[in-house]
Amino acid sequence: MWILMNSSYFSIVKNKNKKDSLLVRARIKGDIEKVFPKANVIEGAGTDYKYRTFLPKWVVSKAIKKSIEHIDYDNFKDSIPLDDTVRYDVYCDVWLTLLALQRPTHNFPFEWPTHKRFVGADSHAIGYQLAQAVMKDDYRPEK
């Protein structure tokens, strides 16, 4: 399961060695600790996820539930901290890629024009509105 939060991203899978435990993996230092402050994080275990921890399922479930209960925004992308521009840009790429699932053909030929790409904190506050404008002005469906 992938979980994208406004300040953390995880891949959560079963722990092969322990039935009631999960392996929580992250790519960014500190992401795990933001949600699981008592976690024993292992760095660089030789896989594509640099950070990982093993946690009981109930701990992961409780933390995710708590995060859901504290949602106070009406636009996820705009809830990403302003100083976290790399996360913002990557999440916008994920949003755009997943938009392809909404098309009946699952084929979405859209590419961001270079001059309108989301970069820097100055575009962050208007991310949603800019995305809508770009989609309206620059998306041309296949003929």
C-alpha atoms as a PDB file:
ATOM      1  CA  MET A   1       0.000   0.000   0.000  1.00  0.00           C
ATOM      2  CA  TRP A   2       1.302   3.428  -0.839  1.00  0.00           C
ATOM      3  CA  ILE A   3       0.322   6.247   1.448  1.00  0.00           C
ATOM      4  CA  LEU A   4       0.975   9.839   0.477  1.00  0.00           C
ATOM      5  CA  MET A   5       0.500  12.312   3.309  1.00  0.00           C
ATOM      6  CA  ASN A   6       1.182  16.011   3.038  1.00  0.00           C
ATOM      7  CA  SER A   7       4.521  15.570   4.838  1.00  0.00           C
ATOM      8  CA  SER A   8       5.287  11.837   4.486  1.00  0.00           C
ATOM      9  CA  TYR A   9       5.208   9.099   1.878  1.00  0.00           C
ATOM     10  CA  PHE A  10       5.291   5.374   2.691  1.00  0.00           C
ATOM     11  CA  SER A  11       5.146   1.989   1.110  1.00  0.00           C
ATOM     12  CA  ILE A  12       3.598  -0.422   3.591  1.00  0.00           C
ATOM     13  CA  VAL A  13       3.794  -4.180   3.051  1.00  0.00           C
ATOM     14  CA  LYS A  14       3.562  -7.311   5.165  1.00  0.00           C
ATOM     15  CA  ASN A  15       6.454  -8.371   7.328  1.00  0.00           C
ATOM     16  CA  LYS A  16       7.447 -11.740   5.852  1.00  0.00           C
ATOM     17  CA  ASN A  17       8.741 -12.923   9.221  1.00  0.00           C
ATOM     18  CA  LYS A  18       5.980 -11.806  11.571  1.00  0.00           C
ATOM     19  CA  LYS A  19       2.256 -12.173  10.916  1.00  0.00           C
ATOM     20  CA  ASP A  20       0.979  -9.204  12.976  1.00  0.00           C
ATOM     21  CA  SER A  21       3.691  -6.799  11.824  1.00  0.00           C
ATOM     22  CA  LEU A  22       4.161  -4.532   8.814  1.00  0.00           C
ATOM     23  CA  LEU A  23       7.203  -3.207   7.017  1.00  0.00           C
ATOM     24  CA  VAL A  24       6.922   0.565   6.596  1.00  0.00           C
ATOM     25  CA  ARG A  25       9.336   1.962   4.005  1.00  0.00           C
ATOM     26  CA  ALA A  26      10.172   5.540   3.051  1.00  0.00           C
ATOM     27  CA  ARG A  27      12.425   7.307   0.591  1.00  0.00           C
ATOM     28  CA  ILE A  28      12.919  10.544   2.523  1.00  0.00           C
ATOM     29  CA  LYS A  29      14.790  10.786   5.823  1.00  0.00           C
ATOM     30  CA  GLY A  30      12.399  11.670   8.628  1.00  0.00           C
ATOM     31  CA  ASP A  31       9.152  10.703   6.901  1.00  0.00           C
ATOM     32  CA  ILE A  32       8.667   7.618   9.068  1.00  0.00           C
ATOM     33  CA  GLU A  33       9.443   9.472  12.302  1.00  0.00           C
ATOM     34  CA  LYS A  34       6.891  12.200  11.522  1.00  0.00           C
ATOM     35  CA  VAL A  35       4.083   9.642  11.780  1.00  0.00           C
ATOM     36  CA  PHE A  36       5.744   6.995  13.969  1.00  0.00           C
ATOM     37  CA  PRO A  37       7.988   8.956  16.377  1.00  0.00           C
ATOM     38  CA  LYS A  38       9.023   5.865  18.396  1.00  0.00           C
ATOM     39  CA  ALA A  39       9.951   3.785  15.352  1.00  0.00           C
ATOM     40  CA  ASN A  40      13.382   2.220  15.113  1.00  0.00           C
ATOM     41  CA  VAL A  41      14.285   3.309  11.573  1.00  0.00           C
ATOM     42  CA  ILE A  42      16.864   1.327   9.621  1.00  0.00           C
ATOM     43  CA  GLU A  43      18.794   3.277   6.991  1.00  0.00           C
ATOM     44  CA  GLY A  44      20.199   1.751   3.812  1.00  0.00           C
ATOM     45  CA  ALA A  45      19.209  -1.905   3.937  1.00  0.00           C
ATOM     46  CA  GLY A  46      20.254  -2.384   0.317  1.00  0.00           C
ATOM     47  CA  THR A  47      16.871  -1.893  -1.357  1.00  0.00           C
ATOM     48  CA  ASP A  48      15.209   0.874  -3.326  1.00  0.00           C
ATOM     49  CA  TYR A  49      13.655   2.298  -0.127  1.00  0.00           C
ATOM     50  CA  LYS A  50      16.447   3.837   1.931  1.00  0.00           C
ATOM     51  CA  TYR A  51      14.512   3.954   5.231  1.00  0.00           C
ATOM     52  CA  ARG A  52      12.434   1.225   6.863  1.00  0.00           C
ATOM     53  CA  THR A  53      10.937   0.054  10.115  1.00  0.00           C
ATOM     54  CA  PHE A  54       8.930  -2.915  11.342  1.00  0.00           C
ATOM     55  CA  LEU A  55       5.801  -2.031  13.313  1.00  0.00           C
ATOM     56  CA  PRO A  56       2.808  -3.896  14.706  1.00  0.00           C
ATOM     57  CA  LYS A  57      -0.245  -3.627  12.433  1.00  0.00           C
ATOM     58  CA  TRP A  58      -2.256  -1.945  15.194  1.00  0.00           C
ATOM     59  CA  VAL A  59       0.378   0.818  15.542  1.00  0.00           C
ATOM     60  CA  VAL A  60       0.305   1.552  11.799  1.00  0.00           C
ATOM     61  CA  SER A  61      -3.495   1.427  11.723  1.00  0.00           C
ATOM     62  CA  LYS A  62      -3.839   3.759  14.710  1.00  0.00           C
ATOM     63  CA  ALA A  63      -1.400   6.314  13.239  1.00  0.00           C
ATOM     64  CA  ILE A  64      -3.083   6.326   9.818  1.00  0.00           C
ATOM     65  CA  LYS A  65      -6.507   6.661  11.467  1.00  0.00           C
ATOM     66  CA  LYS A  66      -5.252   9.598  13.539  1.00  0.00           C
ATOM     67  CA  SER A  67      -3.903  11.291  10.399  1.00  0.00           C
ATOM     68  CA  ILE A  68      -7.258  10.870   8.668  1.00  0.00           C
ATOM     69  CA  GLU A  69      -9.114  12.314  11.648  1.00  0.00           C
ATOM     70  CA  HIS A  70      -6.896  15.432  11.558  1.00  0.00           C
ATOM     71  CA  ILE A  71      -7.525  16.330   7.907  1.00  0.00           C
ATOM     72  CA  ASP A  72      -8.398  20.027   7.872  1.00  0.00           C
ATOM     73  CA  TYR A  73      -7.861  20.938   4.214  1.00  0.00           C
ATOM     74  CA  ASP A  74     -10.047  20.764   1.120  1.00  0.00           C
ATOM     75  CA  ASN A  75      -7.192  20.361  -1.376  1.00  0.00           C
ATOM     76  CA  PHE A  76      -4.473  17.810  -0.677  1.00  0.00           C
ATOM     77  CA  LYS A  77      -1.753  19.260  -2.922  1.00  0.00           C
ATOM     78  CA  ASP A  78      -2.162  22.697  -1.366  1.00  0.00           C
ATOM     79  CA  SER A  79      -1.753  21.174   2.126  1.00  0.00           C
ATOM     80  CA  ILE A  80       1.869  20.227   1.462  1.00  0.00           C
ATOM     81  CA  PRO A  81       4.194  22.513   3.469  1.00  0.00           C
ATOM     82  CA  LEU A  82       5.337  25.494   1.384  1.00  0.00           C
ATOM     83  CA  ASP A  83       9.012  24.773   1.989  1.00  0.00           C
ATOM     84  CA  ASP A  84       8.704  21.184   0.728  1.00  0.00           C
ATOM     85  CA  THR A  85       8.822  22.049  -2.969  1.00  0.00           C
ATOM     86  CA  VAL A  86      10.408  18.781  -4.090  1.00  0.00           C
ATOM     87  CA  ARG A  87       7.618  16.744  -2.459  1.00  0.00           C
ATOM     88  CA  TYR A  88       5.049  19.101  -3.964  1.00  0.00           C
ATOM     89  CA  ASP A  89       6.462  18.704  -7.472  1.00  0.00           C
ATOM     90  CA  VAL A  90       6.672  14.908  -7.183  1.00  0.00           C
ATOM     91  CA  TYR A  91       3.119  14.653  -5.809  1.00  0.00           C
ATOM     92  CA  CYS A  92       1.866  16.780  -8.719  1.00  0.00           C
ATOM     93  CA  ASP A  93       3.561  14.331 -11.084  1.00  0.00           C
ATOM     94  CA  VAL A  94       1.848  11.443  -9.274  1.00  0.00           C
ATOM     95  CA  TRP A  95      -1.499  13.267  -9.463  1.00  0.00           C
ATOM     96  CA  LEU A  96      -1.060  13.770 -13.189  1.00  0.00           C
ATOM     97  CA  THR A  97      -0.012  10.180 -13.811  1.00  0.00           C
ATOM     98  CA  LEU A  98      -2.963   8.815 -11.836  1.00  0.00           C
ATOM     99  CA  LEU A  99      -5.303  11.041 -13.810  1.00  0.00           C
ATOM    100  CA  ALA A 100      -4.741   8.584 -16.683  1.00  0.00           C
ATOM    101  CA  LEU A 101      -6.787   6.009 -14.757  1.00  0.00           C
ATOM    102  CA  GLN A 102      -9.840   8.234 -15.138  1.00  0.00           C
ATOM    103  CA  ARG A 103      -9.758   8.126 -18.926  1.00  0.00           C
ATOM    104  CA  PRO A 104     -11.737   5.307 -20.540  1.00  0.00           C
ATOM    105  CA  THR A 105      -8.810   4.268 -22.725  1.00  0.00           C
ATOM    106  CA  HIS A 106      -6.265   4.559 -19.874  1.00  0.00           C
ATOM    107  CA  ASN A 107      -4.159   6.479 -22.337  1.00  0.00           C
ATOM    108  CA  PHE A 108      -3.387  10.044 -21.316  1.00  0.00           C
ATOM    109  CA  PRO A 109      -1.070  11.751 -23.804  1.00  0.00           C
ATOM    110  CA  PHE A 110      -0.718  14.974 -21.817  1.00  0.00           C
ATOM    111  CA  GLU A 111       2.735  16.349 -21.009  1.00  0.00           C
ATOM    112  CA  TRP A 112       3.436  19.391 -18.841  1.00  0.00           C
ATOM    113  CA  PRO A 113       4.640  22.303 -20.942  1.00  0.00           C
ATOM    114  CA  THR A 114       8.120  23.179 -19.645  1.00  0.00           C
ATOM    115  CA  HIS A 115       7.239  26.811 -19.019  1.00  0.00           C
ATOM    116  CA  LYS A 116       4.286  25.886 -16.759  1.00  0.00           C
ATOM    117  CA  ARG A 117       5.934  23.122 -14.717  1.00  0.00           C
ATOM    118  CA  PHE A 118       5.360  23.326 -10.979  1.00  0.00           C
ATOM    119  CA  VAL A 119       8.589  24.645  -9.485  1.00  0.00           C
ATOM    120  CA  GLY A 120       9.387  26.578  -6.361  1.00  0.00           C
ATOM    121  CA  ALA A 121       7.318  27.828  -3.458  1.00  0.00           C
ATOM    122  CA  ASP A 122       5.835  30.747  -5.421  1.00  0.00           C
ATOM    123  CA  SER A 123       3.703  28.364  -7.486  1.00  0.00           C
ATOM    124  CA  HIS A 124       2.737  26.182  -4.513  1.00  0.00           C
ATOM    125  CA  ALA A 125      -0.051  28.323  -3.083  1.00  0.00           C
ATOM    126  CA  ILE A 126      -1.875  28.342  -6.390  1.00  0.00           C
ATOM    127  CA  GLY A 127      -1.065  24.778  -7.393  1.00  0.00           C
ATOM    128  CA  TYR A 128      -4.619  23.563  -7.830  1.00  0.00           C
ATOM    129  CA  GLN A 129      -5.746  26.621  -9.780  1.00  0.00           C
ATOM    130  CA  LEU A 130      -2.657  26.445 -12.000  1.00  0.00           C
ATOM    131  CA  ALA A 131      -3.231  22.760 -12.682  1.00  0.00           C
ATOM    132  CA  GLN A 132      -6.795  23.511 -13.741  1.00  0.00           C
ATOM    133  CA  ALA A 133      -5.632  26.314 -16.057  1.00  0.00           C
ATOM    134  CA  VAL A 134      -2.929  24.141 -17.605  1.00  0.00           C
ATOM    135  CA  MET A 135      -5.364  21.297 -18.156  1.00  0.00           C
ATOM    136  CA  LYS A 136      -7.934  23.603 -19.735  1.00  0.00           C
ATOM    137  CA  ASP A 137      -5.485  25.464 -21.966  1.00  0.00           C
ATOM    138  CA  ASP A 138      -2.973  22.807 -22.947  1.00  0.00           C
ATOM    139  CA  TYR A 139      -4.589  19.389 -22.881  1.00  0.00           C
ATOM    140  CA  ARG A 140      -5.610  18.164 -26.296  1.00  0.00           C
ATOM    141  CA  PRO A 141      -7.294  14.733 -26.353  1.00  0.00           C
ATOM    142  CA  GLU A 142      -6.277  12.210 -28.949  1.00  0.00           C
ATOM    143  CA  LYS A 143      -8.167  12.401 -32.229  1.00  0.00           C
END
